[in-house]
Structure formats: structure tokens, C-alpha cells
Amino acid sequence: MSAWLATLLAYLKIDVVKAAILGVVEGLTEFLPVSSTGHLLLMEHFLGWGDDSFGKSFAILIQLGAILALLTIYFGRLLALARNMFTSWPAARFVLGVLLAFLPAAAVGFVAHGFIKEKLFDVRVVCIMFILGGFVLLWVDRMNLHAKRHDATEFPLWMYFGIGVVQCIAMIPGVSRSGATIVGAMLFGADRRSAAEFSFWLAMPTMVGAFAYESYKSRADLLAGGNSKMLIAVGFATSFIFGWIVVKTFLRYVQRHSFALFAWWRIIVGSAGMFAIYFGR
């Protein structure tokens, strides 16, 4: 057993294996209310990854895999929306709603990006937000919410904007973009499924915008030699595969189950992370 463990630990020190692990984590967590950024920061910390500029940008760059998984699944609906948005008010109204929901996070991210990365990208912050976010999900599960909205494409415009404002809380690593979006939508009257589905729609411009911004800032790493391109490719591929699986199954899951699984996962991971940080040295 000790030889097997030593071999495993040796493999975990190989960058391409780390990249694959981080890609799996990104794909599995991006669309769940558990915070992909938080999980990646914790994994990077404990794998010894992310100390240089490339490592710090890697987590954003491999989001492309999860983004493309989502776009692939929603391609038919996106195409229909594009065809109808100039001739159908319901389609145009929904596009406007997604843009209204996207704008608050875009504005906050543009203004406070440097502060957020410098001050909040800390594993202790992540662990605390994991735990608090878990209790928020348990609290929402126990609320006697009376859902009035059952179609993500028919929310009122004020509600789209309100969800976008709530999403800004997810600028704090560990909060979860999808979790904030889902909770915000449910508090505004959406049922569980439509809230989760709108989190997918809102993820498209939000993640594409974050990826484009980070890619521009990290263009030197992307153009550099060495194995950075291979590592990004490995992270992208695993992120795509596992992101695709999650998107295909998540809506069915939340329609039939509570958020308790994700809540307790957050609490356990956050608590274990805090223990490892302070007592695992």
C-alpha cells in the first residue's frame, strides 16, 4: 500500500496530471452551486499549483471547455433565439433580460477585478464562503417559497436585473456564481428548475466575458513556448467532458431533489480545508 501511495503522490507532482485533475474539478463544479473557482483555488493550493502568472490564469482559461460544453448542448436553442430575436418580442425580451442580468457583474468585475484577485483569492476566504454558502442553501431549502415563475425565458425584466445584482456576490471566491444565481432567482419567485436553467443562460455571457478578459491579460502565457499550451489543452478537454455531463443531468436532479447534497458538500469541504490549513502543517 505504501508503494502504491508513493506512486500516486509521484504522479500528482506531474503538471499534466495536475492539469487533468483541475479540468475535471472545473467541469464538475462550474454549473453546480458549489463554486468552481473555490474548488480550483483549494486544489491549486494543495497540489502546489498556481504560484506563477500562468498558474493563476489557468483556472480561467480552462473554463473554455465548460463553456463549450454548455454551448454545444444549448446550440439549437441559441440558434432559434438568434433567428427570432429581431422578429419576435418574447425572444428579444429574453435576450434583453440576459443582458440586464449580465451587466452588474460585468461592471463590478471591470472596476474591482484587481482588488478581488489581490485581496479575496485566498484559501481561507474560500473555506469560509464554502461553509456560509452551505448554510444559505440549507436555509433556502427550508423556506416555504411559493414559486410563481416556471419558465426562465418569461421572468419579468426587473427580475433578470435583480438576479444579476445577486450574482455579483459570487465575485467573492467560494460563493458560487450558479449558487448565487439560483438562490436569487428562487427568492424572486422562480421554481427550482427554472432558476437552475437561467443560471445556465446567464453563465454564457458571464463565462465568455471572463474568459476573453483573462485570455487577453494572459496572452503572453498563451503565446509562450514550453508546455503551457499542452496543459491548457488537457484542462480544456477534461473540463469539456465533465461539464457536458453535469449540464445534461443537473436540471433533472434539482427538479426532484433539494440542495442538501451540495450544501453539506460545501460545509464538509470548507471545514476540511480550514482544518488542513491550520492544523495540517
Protein backbone atom coordinates (compact mmCIF):
# COMPACT_ATOMS: atom_id res chain seq x y z
CA MET A 1 0.00 0.00 0.00
CA SER A 2 2.84 2.39 0.81
CA ALA A 3 4.43 1.78 -2.62
CA TRP A 4 1.07 2.40 -4.31
CA LEU A 5 0.61 5.63 -2.33
CA ALA A 6 4.15 6.76 -3.18
CA THR A 7 3.48 6.14 -6.87
CA LEU A 8 0.21 8.08 -6.69
CA LEU A 9 1.91 11.01 -5.00
CA ALA A 10 4.65 10.95 -7.63
CA TYR A 11 2.06 11.17 -10.40
CA LEU A 12 0.31 14.03 -8.64
CA LYS A 13 3.53 16.03 -8.94
CA ILE A 14 3.42 15.84 -12.76
CA ASP A 15 1.99 19.03 -14.25
CA VAL A 16 -0.10 17.30 -16.91
CA VAL A 17 -1.78 15.16 -14.24
CA LYS A 18 -2.46 18.29 -12.17
CA ALA A 19 -3.92 19.98 -15.25
CA ALA A 20 -6.22 17.00 -15.87
CA ILE A 21 -7.38 16.97 -12.24
CA LEU A 22 -8.09 20.70 -12.31
CA GLY A 23 -10.01 20.28 -15.59
CA VAL A 24 -12.18 17.56 -14.03
CA VAL A 25 -12.84 19.77 -11.00
CA GLU A 26 -13.72 22.74 -13.23
CA GLY A 27 -16.12 20.68 -15.34
CA LEU A 28 -17.82 19.06 -12.37
CA THR A 29 -18.26 22.23 -10.32
CA GLU A 30 -18.79 25.09 -12.80
CA PHE A 31 -22.56 24.67 -13.10
CA LEU A 32 -23.27 23.33 -9.60
CA PRO A 33 -23.91 25.61 -6.59
CA VAL A 34 -20.56 24.70 -5.02
CA SER A 35 -18.13 27.27 -6.57
CA SER A 36 -15.74 26.09 -9.26
CA THR A 37 -13.34 28.95 -8.50
CA GLY A 38 -13.25 27.98 -4.84
CA HIS A 39 -12.60 24.32 -5.60
CA LEU A 40 -9.86 25.21 -8.06
CA LEU A 41 -8.16 27.55 -5.58
CA LEU A 42 -8.18 24.82 -2.94
CA MET A 43 -6.89 22.20 -5.38
CA GLU A 44 -4.17 24.54 -6.63
CA HIS A 45 -3.13 25.25 -3.05
CA PHE A 46 -2.86 21.60 -2.03
CA LEU A 47 -1.35 20.43 -5.36
CA GLY A 48 1.24 23.20 -5.28
CA TRP A 49 -0.04 24.83 -8.47
CA GLY A 50 -0.72 28.48 -9.24
CA ASP A 51 2.28 30.30 -7.80
CA ASP A 52 3.28 31.88 -11.14
CA SER A 53 1.27 34.06 -13.53
CA PHE A 54 0.37 31.12 -15.76
CA GLY A 55 -0.90 29.04 -12.86
CA LYS A 56 -3.07 31.89 -11.64
CA SER A 57 -4.63 32.31 -15.10
CA PHE A 58 -5.04 28.59 -15.80
CA ALA A 59 -8.31 28.27 -13.86
CA ILE A 60 -9.98 30.93 -16.00
CA LEU A 61 -8.51 29.67 -19.26
CA ILE A 62 -9.81 26.10 -18.87
CA GLN A 63 -13.32 27.46 -18.38
CA LEU A 64 -13.50 27.42 -22.17
CA GLY A 65 -14.09 23.66 -22.00
CA ALA A 66 -17.09 24.05 -19.70
CA ILE A 67 -18.37 26.99 -21.76
CA LEU A 68 -18.24 25.00 -24.99
CA ALA A 69 -19.97 22.04 -23.31
CA LEU A 70 -22.85 24.33 -22.37
CA LEU A 71 -22.96 26.00 -25.80
CA THR A 72 -22.93 22.60 -27.51
CA ILE A 73 -25.95 21.39 -25.54
CA TYR A 74 -27.84 24.68 -25.98
CA PHE A 75 -26.80 25.20 -29.61
CA GLY A 76 -30.24 24.52 -31.08
CA ARG A 77 -31.98 26.87 -28.65
CA LEU A 78 -29.34 29.54 -29.17
CA LEU A 79 -29.76 29.31 -32.95
CA ALA A 80 -33.54 29.62 -32.65
CA LEU A 81 -33.13 32.59 -30.33
CA ALA A 82 -30.76 34.30 -32.77
CA ARG A 83 -33.18 33.77 -35.65
CA ASN A 84 -36.19 35.11 -33.77
CA MET A 85 -34.76 37.94 -31.68
CA PHE A 86 -35.37 40.57 -34.39
CA THR A 87 -38.85 39.37 -35.32
CA SER A 88 -40.30 38.13 -32.02
CA TRP A 89 -40.74 40.29 -28.93
CA PRO A 90 -40.59 37.32 -26.48
CA ALA A 91 -37.22 36.27 -27.94
CA ALA A 92 -35.90 39.85 -27.97
CA ARG A 93 -37.18 40.38 -24.44
CA PHE A 94 -35.35 37.30 -23.17
CA VAL A 95 -32.08 38.37 -24.82
CA LEU A 96 -32.53 41.78 -23.18
CA GLY A 97 -33.17 40.04 -19.86
CA VAL A 98 -29.95 38.02 -20.07
CA LEU A 99 -28.01 41.20 -20.90
CA LEU A 100 -29.60 43.02 -17.96
CA ALA A 101 -28.58 40.14 -15.67
CA PHE A 102 -25.03 40.15 -17.09
CA LEU A 103 -24.36 43.89 -16.76
CA PRO A 104 -23.97 44.19 -12.95
CA ALA A 105 -21.26 41.51 -12.75
CA ALA A 106 -19.53 42.93 -15.83
CA ALA A 107 -19.43 46.40 -14.26
CA VAL A 108 -18.23 45.16 -10.86
CA GLY A 109 -15.65 42.88 -12.45
CA PHE A 110 -14.26 45.69 -14.61
CA VAL A 111 -13.97 48.12 -11.70
CA ALA A 112 -12.87 45.76 -8.93
CA HIS A 113 -11.01 42.97 -10.77
CA GLY A 114 -7.61 43.91 -9.35
CA PHE A 115 -8.87 44.22 -5.76
CA ILE A 116 -10.75 40.94 -5.96
CA LYS A 117 -7.75 38.98 -7.25
CA GLU A 118 -5.32 40.59 -4.84
CA LYS A 119 -7.38 40.56 -1.64
CA LEU A 120 -10.03 37.84 -1.95
CA PHE A 121 -8.30 35.00 -3.81
CA ASP A 122 -7.26 33.35 -0.55
CA VAL A 123 -7.98 29.78 0.50
CA ARG A 124 -9.20 30.93 3.93
CA VAL A 125 -11.78 33.19 2.28
CA VAL A 126 -12.83 30.26 0.07
CA CYS A 127 -13.32 27.92 3.03
CA ILE A 128 -15.37 30.45 4.97
CA MET A 129 -17.57 31.15 1.94
CA PHE A 130 -18.00 27.41 1.35
CA ILE A 131 -19.35 26.97 4.86
CA LEU A 132 -21.56 30.07 4.83
CA GLY A 133 -22.87 29.22 1.35
CA GLY A 134 -23.74 25.71 2.52
CA PHE A 135 -25.87 27.08 5.34
CA VAL A 136 -27.54 29.51 2.92
CA LEU A 137 -28.55 26.60 0.67
CA LEU A 138 -29.93 24.71 3.68
CA TRP A 139 -31.84 27.85 4.72
CA VAL A 140 -33.34 28.29 1.22
CA ASP A 141 -34.35 24.62 1.18
CA ARG A 142 -36.26 25.10 4.42
CA MET A 143 -38.03 28.28 3.33
CA ASN A 144 -41.66 27.95 2.36
CA LEU A 145 -41.17 29.61 -1.02
CA HIS A 146 -44.18 29.82 -3.31
CA ALA A 147 -42.87 29.67 -6.85
CA LYS A 148 -44.69 31.92 -9.31
CA ARG A 149 -42.26 31.70 -12.25
CA HIS A 150 -41.80 28.40 -14.06
CA ASP A 151 -40.12 29.43 -17.31
CA ALA A 152 -36.65 31.04 -17.33
CA THR A 153 -37.46 32.81 -20.60
CA GLU A 154 -40.50 34.59 -19.14
CA PHE A 155 -39.18 36.26 -15.99
CA PRO A 156 -40.02 39.99 -15.75
CA LEU A 157 -37.18 42.33 -16.73
CA TRP A 158 -36.73 43.65 -13.18
CA MET A 159 -36.21 40.08 -12.01
CA TYR A 160 -33.43 39.46 -14.55
CA PHE A 161 -31.63 42.56 -13.35
CA GLY A 162 -32.15 41.60 -9.70
CA ILE A 163 -30.66 38.16 -10.31
CA GLY A 164 -27.69 39.87 -11.95
CA VAL A 165 -27.17 42.05 -8.87
CA VAL A 166 -27.26 38.97 -6.63
CA GLN A 167 -24.75 37.25 -8.93
CA CYS A 168 -22.20 39.96 -8.03
CA ILE A 169 -21.81 38.35 -4.60
CA ALA A 170 -20.14 35.47 -6.44
CA MET A 171 -17.17 37.73 -7.16
CA ILE A 172 -16.03 36.51 -3.75
CA PRO A 173 -14.30 33.15 -4.39
CA GLY A 174 -16.19 30.30 -2.78
CA VAL A 175 -19.64 31.87 -3.07
CA SER A 176 -20.55 30.18 -6.41
CA ARG A 177 -21.86 32.01 -9.45
CA SER A 178 -24.50 29.38 -10.18
CA GLY A 179 -25.45 29.16 -6.49
CA ALA A 180 -25.95 32.92 -6.19
CA THR A 181 -27.96 32.99 -9.42
CA ILE A 182 -30.18 30.08 -8.41
CA VAL A 183 -30.82 31.39 -4.89
CA GLY A 184 -31.51 34.88 -6.21
CA ALA A 185 -33.98 33.59 -8.78
CA MET A 186 -35.78 31.43 -6.21
CA LEU A 187 -36.06 34.31 -3.75
CA PHE A 188 -37.60 36.39 -6.56
CA GLY A 189 -40.23 33.70 -7.20
CA ALA A 190 -38.73 31.17 -9.63
CA ASP A 191 -39.12 27.46 -9.12
CA ARG A 192 -36.04 25.28 -8.66
CA ARG A 193 -35.76 24.09 -12.27
CA SER A 194 -36.26 27.47 -13.97
CA ALA A 195 -33.81 29.08 -11.53
CA ALA A 196 -31.19 26.45 -12.37
CA GLU A 197 -31.85 26.79 -16.09
CA PHE A 198 -31.46 30.55 -16.01
CA SER A 199 -28.12 30.07 -14.28
CA PHE A 200 -27.07 28.21 -17.47
CA TRP A 201 -28.24 31.04 -19.71
CA LEU A 202 -26.52 33.67 -17.59
CA ALA A 203 -23.34 31.58 -17.47
CA MET A 204 -22.88 32.02 -21.23
CA PRO A 205 -22.11 35.77 -21.38
CA THR A 206 -20.58 35.80 -17.89
CA MET A 207 -18.10 32.98 -18.55
CA VAL A 208 -17.32 34.07 -22.11
CA GLY A 209 -16.63 37.60 -20.85
CA ALA A 210 -14.38 36.38 -18.03
CA PHE A 211 -12.54 34.03 -20.38
CA ALA A 212 -11.99 36.71 -23.03
CA TYR A 213 -10.74 39.23 -20.45
CA GLU A 214 -8.37 36.75 -18.79
CA SER A 215 -7.14 35.43 -22.15
CA TYR A 216 -6.21 38.95 -23.21
CA LYS A 217 -4.38 39.57 -19.95
CA SER A 218 -2.61 36.19 -20.19
CA ARG A 219 -1.77 36.36 -23.90
CA ALA A 220 1.97 36.20 -23.11
CA ASP A 221 1.49 32.82 -21.41
CA LEU A 222 -0.63 31.56 -24.30
CA LEU A 223 1.98 32.59 -26.86
CA ALA A 224 4.93 31.35 -24.83
CA GLY A 225 6.75 28.15 -25.57
CA GLY A 226 7.14 25.25 -23.19
CA ASN A 227 4.25 23.04 -22.17
CA SER A 228 1.70 25.72 -21.23
CA LYS A 229 -0.40 25.11 -24.35
CA MET A 230 -0.45 21.36 -23.72
CA LEU A 231 -1.53 21.88 -20.11
CA ILE A 232 -4.34 24.20 -21.19
CA ALA A 233 -5.43 21.66 -23.82
CA VAL A 234 -5.56 18.86 -21.21
CA GLY A 235 -7.51 21.07 -18.78
CA PHE A 236 -9.85 22.16 -21.57
CA ALA A 237 -10.61 18.58 -22.69
CA THR A 238 -11.41 17.26 -19.22
CA SER A 239 -13.39 20.39 -18.38
CA PHE A 240 -15.48 19.93 -21.54
CA ILE A 241 -16.26 16.27 -20.87
CA PHE A 242 -17.29 16.64 -17.24
CA GLY A 243 -19.04 19.97 -17.82
CA TRP A 244 -21.15 18.31 -20.51
CA ILE A 245 -22.14 15.52 -18.10
CA VAL A 246 -23.18 17.99 -15.40
CA VAL A 247 -25.24 20.20 -17.73
CA LYS A 248 -27.09 17.15 -19.08
CA THR A 249 -28.01 15.88 -15.61
CA PHE A 250 -28.29 18.87 -13.25
CA LEU A 251 -31.75 20.13 -14.25
CA ARG A 252 -33.27 16.69 -13.78
CA TYR A 253 -31.59 16.38 -10.39
CA VAL A 254 -32.76 19.71 -8.93
CA GLN A 255 -36.30 19.08 -10.18
CA ARG A 256 -36.52 16.04 -7.90
CA HIS A 257 -34.15 16.78 -5.04
CA SER A 258 -33.25 19.54 -2.60
CA PHE A 259 -29.91 21.35 -2.45
CA ALA A 260 -28.93 19.45 0.71
CA LEU A 261 -26.26 17.37 -1.07
CA PHE A 262 -24.49 20.48 -2.35
CA ALA A 263 -24.96 22.31 0.95
CA TRP A 264 -23.37 19.57 3.04
CA TRP A 265 -20.62 19.09 0.46
CA ARG A 266 -19.74 22.77 0.79
CA ILE A 267 -19.76 22.63 4.59
CA ILE A 268 -17.63 19.48 4.73
CA VAL A 269 -15.08 20.68 2.15
CA GLY A 270 -14.85 24.14 3.73
CA SER A 271 -14.38 22.68 7.22
CA ALA A 272 -11.81 20.15 5.99
CA GLY A 273 -9.95 22.90 4.16
CA MET A 274 -9.79 25.10 7.26
CA PHE A 275 -8.57 22.16 9.33
CA ALA A 276 -5.85 21.34 6.79
CA ILE A 277 -4.72 24.96 6.57
CA TYR A 278 -4.36 25.49 10.31
CA PHE A 279 -3.62 22.01 11.66
CA GLY A 280 -2.23 20.04 8.72
CA ARG A 281 1.22 21.60 8.65
